[in-house]
N, C-alpha and C. Protein backbone atom coordinates (compact mmCIF):
# COMPACT_ATOMS: atom_id res chain seq x y z
N UNK A 1 56.57 -5.32 23.84
CA UNK A 1 55.40 -4.79 24.44
C UNK A 1 55.74 -3.91 25.65
N UNK A 2 56.56 -4.41 26.57
CA UNK A 2 56.97 -3.62 27.72
C UNK A 2 58.26 -2.90 27.43
N UNK A 3 58.29 -1.63 27.78
CA UNK A 3 59.52 -0.87 27.62
C UNK A 3 60.33 -0.97 28.91
N UNK A 4 61.59 -1.15 28.74
CA UNK A 4 62.45 -1.22 29.91
C UNK A 4 62.79 0.20 30.37
N UNK A 5 62.50 0.49 31.63
CA UNK A 5 62.78 1.80 32.17
C UNK A 5 64.20 1.83 32.70
N UNK A 6 64.92 2.85 32.37
CA UNK A 6 66.27 3.00 32.89
C UNK A 6 66.35 4.33 33.62
N UNK A 7 66.85 4.30 34.82
CA UNK A 7 67.04 5.50 35.62
C UNK A 7 68.49 5.90 35.56
N UNK A 8 68.72 7.19 35.45
CA UNK A 8 70.09 7.67 35.43
C UNK A 8 70.64 7.70 36.85
N UNK A 9 71.83 7.20 37.00
CA UNK A 9 72.51 7.29 38.28
C UNK A 9 73.04 8.70 38.45
N UNK A 10 73.34 9.06 39.68
CA UNK A 10 73.85 10.39 39.95
C UNK A 10 75.15 10.67 39.18
N UNK A 11 75.95 9.63 38.97
CA UNK A 11 77.21 9.81 38.24
C UNK A 11 76.97 10.00 36.75
N UNK A 12 75.82 9.54 36.25
CA UNK A 12 75.53 9.67 34.83
C UNK A 12 74.82 10.97 34.49
N UNK A 13 74.29 11.66 35.48
CA UNK A 13 73.58 12.91 35.23
C UNK A 13 74.57 14.01 34.89
N UNK A 14 74.09 15.00 34.19
CA UNK A 14 74.93 16.14 33.87
C UNK A 14 75.13 17.01 35.10
N UNK A 15 76.09 17.91 35.03
CA UNK A 15 76.34 18.79 36.17
C UNK A 15 76.51 20.22 35.69
N UNK A 16 76.27 21.14 36.59
CA UNK A 16 76.37 22.57 36.32
C UNK A 16 77.49 23.12 37.18
N UNK A 17 78.34 23.94 36.61
CA UNK A 17 79.43 24.55 37.34
C UNK A 17 79.06 25.98 37.70
N UNK A 18 79.22 26.33 38.98
CA UNK A 18 78.91 27.68 39.47
C UNK A 18 80.10 28.24 40.22
N UNK A 19 80.14 29.55 40.38
CA UNK A 19 81.18 30.22 41.16
C UNK A 19 80.54 30.81 42.40
N UNK A 20 81.12 30.56 43.56
CA UNK A 20 80.60 31.05 44.83
C UNK A 20 80.77 32.56 44.89
N UNK A 21 79.69 33.27 45.22
CA UNK A 21 79.75 34.73 45.32
C UNK A 21 80.44 35.18 46.60
N UNK A 22 80.59 34.29 47.56
CA UNK A 22 81.20 34.65 48.83
C UNK A 22 82.72 34.48 48.81
N UNK A 23 83.19 33.30 48.36
CA UNK A 23 84.63 33.03 48.42
C UNK A 23 85.28 32.90 47.03
N UNK A 24 84.50 32.81 45.96
CA UNK A 24 85.05 32.70 44.62
C UNK A 24 85.40 31.28 44.20
N UNK A 25 85.14 30.31 45.04
CA UNK A 25 85.44 28.90 44.74
C UNK A 25 84.46 28.37 43.69
N UNK A 26 84.94 27.52 42.80
CA UNK A 26 84.10 26.91 41.77
C UNK A 26 83.56 25.59 42.33
N UNK A 27 82.23 25.40 42.23
CA UNK A 27 81.60 24.18 42.71
C UNK A 27 80.61 23.67 41.67
N UNK A 28 80.31 22.39 41.74
CA UNK A 28 79.40 21.77 40.76
C UNK A 28 78.13 21.29 41.45
N UNK A 29 77.04 21.31 40.69
CA UNK A 29 75.74 20.84 41.15
C UNK A 29 75.17 19.89 40.12
N UNK A 30 74.35 18.91 40.53
CA UNK A 30 73.67 18.09 39.54
C UNK A 30 72.69 18.95 38.75
N UNK A 31 72.45 18.63 37.50
CA UNK A 31 71.62 19.49 36.66
C UNK A 31 70.15 19.47 37.06
N UNK A 32 69.73 18.52 37.90
CA UNK A 32 68.33 18.47 38.30
C UNK A 32 68.02 19.29 39.55
N UNK A 33 68.96 20.10 40.04
CA UNK A 33 68.71 20.96 41.19
C UNK A 33 67.75 22.07 40.76
N UNK A 34 66.66 22.25 41.52
CA UNK A 34 65.64 23.20 41.12
C UNK A 34 66.03 24.64 41.40
N UNK A 35 66.61 24.91 42.57
CA UNK A 35 67.02 26.27 42.91
C UNK A 35 68.54 26.27 43.03
N UNK A 36 69.21 26.89 42.10
CA UNK A 36 70.67 26.89 42.11
C UNK A 36 71.19 27.88 43.13
N UNK A 37 71.95 27.43 44.11
CA UNK A 37 72.49 28.35 45.11
C UNK A 37 73.63 29.19 44.55
N UNK A 38 73.80 30.37 45.12
CA UNK A 38 74.87 31.28 44.70
C UNK A 38 76.15 31.07 45.49
N UNK A 39 76.08 30.33 46.59
CA UNK A 39 77.26 30.10 47.43
C UNK A 39 77.53 28.61 47.55
N UNK A 40 78.79 28.27 47.81
CA UNK A 40 79.17 26.86 47.96
C UNK A 40 78.65 26.32 49.29
N UNK A 41 78.73 25.03 49.47
CA UNK A 41 78.18 24.38 50.65
C UNK A 41 78.89 24.83 51.93
N UNK A 42 80.20 25.04 51.86
CA UNK A 42 80.96 25.46 53.04
C UNK A 42 80.54 26.87 53.49
N UNK A 43 80.36 27.78 52.54
CA UNK A 43 79.94 29.15 52.88
C UNK A 43 78.52 29.18 53.43
N UNK A 44 77.63 28.35 52.87
CA UNK A 44 76.26 28.29 53.39
C UNK A 44 76.24 27.78 54.82
N UNK A 45 77.09 26.80 55.13
CA UNK A 45 77.15 26.28 56.50
C UNK A 45 77.68 27.33 57.47
N UNK A 46 78.68 28.11 57.05
CA UNK A 46 79.20 29.17 57.91
C UNK A 46 78.16 30.25 58.17
N UNK A 47 77.40 30.62 57.14
CA UNK A 47 76.38 31.65 57.31
C UNK A 47 75.28 31.20 58.26
N UNK A 48 74.92 29.93 58.23
CA UNK A 48 73.89 29.41 59.11
C UNK A 48 74.33 29.41 60.57
N UNK A 49 75.62 29.22 60.83
CA UNK A 49 76.11 29.09 62.20
C UNK A 49 76.39 30.43 62.87
N UNK A 50 76.44 31.53 62.14
CA UNK A 50 76.87 32.79 62.73
C UNK A 50 75.84 33.39 63.68
N UNK A 51 74.56 33.20 63.43
CA UNK A 51 73.55 33.79 64.28
C UNK A 51 73.35 32.95 65.53
N UNK A 52 73.41 33.61 66.71
CA UNK A 52 73.20 32.90 67.97
C UNK A 52 72.09 33.58 68.76
N UNK A 53 71.47 32.82 69.63
CA UNK A 53 70.38 33.30 70.47
C UNK A 53 70.75 33.04 71.92
N UNK A 54 70.42 33.97 72.81
CA UNK A 54 70.67 33.80 74.23
C UNK A 54 69.33 33.61 74.94
N UNK A 55 69.26 32.59 75.80
CA UNK A 55 68.05 32.30 76.57
C UNK A 55 68.40 32.01 78.01
N UNK A 56 67.40 32.04 78.87
CA UNK A 56 67.56 31.66 80.27
C UNK A 56 67.05 30.24 80.47
N UNK A 57 67.78 29.47 81.25
CA UNK A 57 67.41 28.09 81.53
C UNK A 57 66.17 28.07 82.42
N UNK A 58 65.21 27.20 82.12
CA UNK A 58 63.99 27.09 82.94
C UNK A 58 64.27 26.44 84.29
N UNK A 59 65.32 25.65 84.35
CA UNK A 59 65.60 24.92 85.58
C UNK A 59 66.45 25.74 86.56
N UNK A 60 67.61 26.22 86.11
CA UNK A 60 68.54 26.90 87.02
C UNK A 60 68.57 28.43 86.85
N UNK A 61 68.03 28.95 85.75
CA UNK A 61 67.99 30.40 85.53
C UNK A 61 69.25 30.97 84.89
N UNK A 62 70.23 30.15 84.62
CA UNK A 62 71.47 30.62 83.99
C UNK A 62 71.23 30.89 82.50
N UNK A 63 71.87 31.93 81.95
CA UNK A 63 71.71 32.22 80.52
C UNK A 63 72.70 31.39 79.71
N UNK A 64 72.29 30.98 78.52
CA UNK A 64 73.14 30.18 77.63
C UNK A 64 72.83 30.58 76.20
N UNK A 65 73.80 30.32 75.30
CA UNK A 65 73.64 30.66 73.89
C UNK A 65 73.63 29.39 73.05
N UNK A 66 72.99 29.48 71.90
CA UNK A 66 72.93 28.36 70.96
C UNK A 66 72.70 28.92 69.57
N UNK A 67 73.03 28.16 68.51
CA UNK A 67 72.81 28.66 67.14
C UNK A 67 71.32 28.74 66.83
N UNK A 68 70.92 29.79 66.13
CA UNK A 68 69.51 29.99 65.82
C UNK A 68 69.02 29.03 64.73
N UNK A 69 69.93 28.32 64.08
CA UNK A 69 69.55 27.40 63.02
C UNK A 69 68.96 26.09 63.54
N UNK A 70 68.98 25.89 64.87
CA UNK A 70 68.41 24.67 65.42
C UNK A 70 66.91 24.62 65.15
N UNK A 71 66.42 23.47 64.84
CA UNK A 71 65.00 23.31 64.53
C UNK A 71 64.13 23.57 65.77
N UNK A 72 64.53 23.01 66.92
CA UNK A 72 63.81 23.22 68.17
C UNK A 72 64.74 23.92 69.14
N UNK A 73 64.35 25.08 69.59
CA UNK A 73 65.20 25.83 70.51
C UNK A 73 65.15 25.19 71.89
N UNK A 74 66.31 25.01 72.53
CA UNK A 74 66.34 24.35 73.84
C UNK A 74 65.78 25.24 74.94
N UNK A 75 65.18 24.61 75.94
CA UNK A 75 64.63 25.34 77.08
C UNK A 75 65.55 25.21 78.30
N UNK A 76 66.46 24.23 78.25
CA UNK A 76 67.39 24.00 79.36
C UNK A 76 68.82 24.22 78.89
N UNK A 77 69.68 24.68 79.81
CA UNK A 77 71.10 24.87 79.48
C UNK A 77 71.75 23.50 79.31
N UNK A 78 72.95 23.45 78.73
CA UNK A 78 73.60 22.14 78.53
C UNK A 78 73.87 21.38 79.83
N UNK A 79 74.15 22.10 80.94
CA UNK A 79 74.42 21.42 82.21
C UNK A 79 73.15 20.73 82.72
N UNK A 80 72.00 21.41 82.64
CA UNK A 80 70.74 20.81 83.11
C UNK A 80 70.28 19.69 82.18
N UNK A 81 70.52 19.83 80.88
CA UNK A 81 70.16 18.76 79.95
C UNK A 81 70.98 17.52 80.22
N UNK A 82 72.23 17.70 80.66
CA UNK A 82 73.10 16.56 80.97
C UNK A 82 72.67 15.81 82.22
N UNK A 83 72.02 16.51 83.14
CA UNK A 83 71.55 15.89 84.38
C UNK A 83 70.31 15.04 84.17
N UNK A 84 69.56 15.29 83.13
CA UNK A 84 68.30 14.54 82.91
C UNK A 84 68.55 13.17 82.40
C-alpha cells in the first residue's frame, strides 16, 4: 500500500563535465544544477574579488578600500571597526 521513497544521495546522482572558458580546466557539476556556469569555481571566485570600492570612514575620515562583492558595504575603516 505505501511506497517507500528513496532519495538519491549526492554521490549517486549523475554529473556533467564542463570546460572552464577562462583557464581551460575541466570541472564537474551535479546534473541537477539549473544554470550551468561557464567557469570553474576558482575562476568565479577570482572574478568576484577583483572589483574594489574606495570609501571615506564616517568616524575618522580616512579613505579605505574593500571588495565590492560584500553584501553590506562598511561605513567604518578597519581601524575604527576594531576600536568598537
